[in-house]
Protein backbone atom coordinates (compact mmCIF):
# COMPACT_ATOMS: atom_id res chain seq x y z
CA MET A 1 0.00 0.00 0.00
CA ILE A 2 1.11 3.54 -0.70
CA GLU A 3 -0.37 6.76 0.54
CA ILE A 4 -1.65 9.06 -2.20
CA PRO A 5 -1.83 12.78 -1.35
CA GLY A 6 -5.39 14.10 -1.21
CA GLU A 7 -4.79 16.76 -3.85
CA ILE A 8 -4.04 14.02 -6.38
CA MET A 9 -7.25 12.15 -5.58
CA ARG A 10 -9.51 15.22 -5.64
CA GLY A 11 -12.69 14.22 -7.46
CA LYS A 12 -11.15 11.10 -9.01
CA LYS A 13 -12.38 7.55 -8.74
CA ASP A 14 -10.94 4.22 -9.84
CA LEU A 15 -7.30 5.06 -9.17
CA TYR A 16 -4.50 2.53 -9.01
CA ALA A 17 -0.71 2.59 -8.91
CA LEU A 18 1.91 0.99 -11.15
CA GLN A 19 5.65 0.78 -10.67
CA VAL A 20 7.55 1.75 -13.81
CA ARG A 21 10.21 -0.51 -15.29
CA GLY A 22 12.50 1.04 -17.85
CA ASN A 23 13.34 4.51 -19.09
CA SER A 24 11.16 4.97 -22.16
CA MET A 25 9.44 8.00 -20.59
CA VAL A 26 12.40 9.95 -19.16
CA ASP A 27 11.60 13.15 -21.08
CA SER A 28 8.19 13.14 -19.36
CA MET A 29 9.95 12.96 -15.98
CA ILE A 30 8.96 9.31 -15.49
CA THR A 31 11.90 7.03 -14.74
CA ASP A 32 12.63 3.46 -13.76
CA ARG A 33 11.08 2.49 -10.38
CA ASP A 34 8.80 5.56 -10.19
CA ILE A 35 5.22 4.96 -9.12
CA VAL A 36 2.60 6.31 -11.53
CA ILE A 37 -0.90 6.97 -10.29
CA MET A 38 -3.36 5.88 -12.93
CA GLU A 39 -6.99 6.79 -13.49
CA GLU A 40 -8.78 3.76 -14.87
CA THR A 41 -10.30 4.88 -18.17
CA ASN A 42 -10.28 4.03 -21.84
CA ASN A 43 -11.43 7.54 -22.81
CA VAL A 44 -8.16 9.30 -23.67
CA LYS A 45 -6.98 11.89 -26.15
CA ASN A 46 -3.91 12.21 -28.34
CA GLY A 47 -0.82 12.95 -26.28
CA ASP A 48 -2.06 11.45 -23.01
CA VAL A 49 0.38 9.21 -21.16
CA VAL A 50 -1.37 5.88 -20.84
CA ALA A 51 -0.87 2.27 -19.85
CA CYS A 52 -1.86 0.02 -22.75
CA TRP A 53 -2.29 -3.72 -22.97
CA ILE A 54 -0.81 -4.92 -26.27
CA ARG A 55 -2.86 -8.03 -26.94
CA ASN A 56 -0.68 -9.91 -29.45
CA GLU A 57 2.51 -9.29 -27.48
CA GLN A 58 0.82 -9.98 -24.11
CA GLU A 59 2.47 -6.97 -22.46
CA VAL A 60 1.65 -3.64 -20.90
CA THR A 61 3.50 -0.49 -21.90
CA LEU A 62 3.47 3.11 -20.66
CA LYS A 63 3.64 5.59 -23.55
CA LYS A 64 2.03 8.68 -25.06
CA ILE A 65 -0.83 7.61 -27.30
CA TYR A 66 -1.76 8.98 -30.72
CA TYR A 67 -4.62 7.71 -32.88
CA GLU A 68 -3.67 7.72 -36.57
CA ASN A 69 -6.51 6.33 -38.71
CA GLU A 70 -6.65 2.55 -38.09
CA LYS A 71 -3.29 2.59 -36.30
CA VAL A 72 -2.23 3.60 -32.83
CA ARG A 73 1.18 5.15 -32.28
CA LEU A 74 2.64 4.56 -28.83
CA GLN A 75 5.32 7.20 -28.51
CA PRO A 76 8.15 6.87 -25.99
CA CYS A 77 9.53 10.04 -24.45
CA ASN A 78 13.14 9.07 -24.89
CA PRO A 79 15.09 10.27 -27.93
CA TYR A 80 16.90 6.93 -28.19
CA MET A 81 13.70 4.91 -28.64
CA VAL A 82 11.39 4.57 -31.63
CA PRO A 83 7.58 4.69 -31.59
CA MET A 84 5.51 1.52 -31.60
CA TYR A 85 2.74 1.22 -34.22
CA HIS A 86 -0.16 -1.19 -33.75
CA ASP A 87 -3.54 -1.88 -35.27
CA ALA A 88 -6.16 -0.20 -33.09
CA GLY A 89 -7.70 -3.58 -32.27
CA ASN A 90 -4.41 -4.76 -30.77
CA VAL A 91 -4.28 -1.95 -28.18
CA GLN A 92 -6.45 -1.72 -25.07
CA VAL A 93 -6.03 1.43 -22.98
CA GLN A 94 -6.10 0.56 -19.28
CA GLY A 95 -5.62 3.98 -17.75
CA ARG A 96 -4.18 7.49 -17.93
CA VAL A 97 -1.32 8.80 -15.78
CA ILE A 98 -2.47 11.54 -13.40
CA ALA A 99 0.59 11.74 -11.13
CA VAL A 100 4.12 10.44 -10.66
CA LEU A 101 5.61 9.59 -7.28
CA ARG A 102 9.33 9.15 -6.83
CA LEU A 103 10.07 7.10 -3.75
CA ASN A 104 13.37 7.40 -1.93
CA LEU A 105 14.33 3.74 -1.61
């Protein structure tokens, strides 16, 4: 269990936390081992940072999302990484990042 500051939760429901693995989002100030607070939703807009289930690959990834016709671009925020392109039916949005917590471990 982690304590979430009240100002983060203000008016929000269906929140959960994920621990980040990797550095694909460093330019969005999200780094390895950070805790991201997620709002469970599948209603997102271009540029939101989201957790997506990639069905065929059986994995979850945290990226910026962009809808491009029948494709979805999952854009890392790291200049050394390339975007991921998937058919829209292969991507299921699980939530949107609303806060990042950096724990001193």
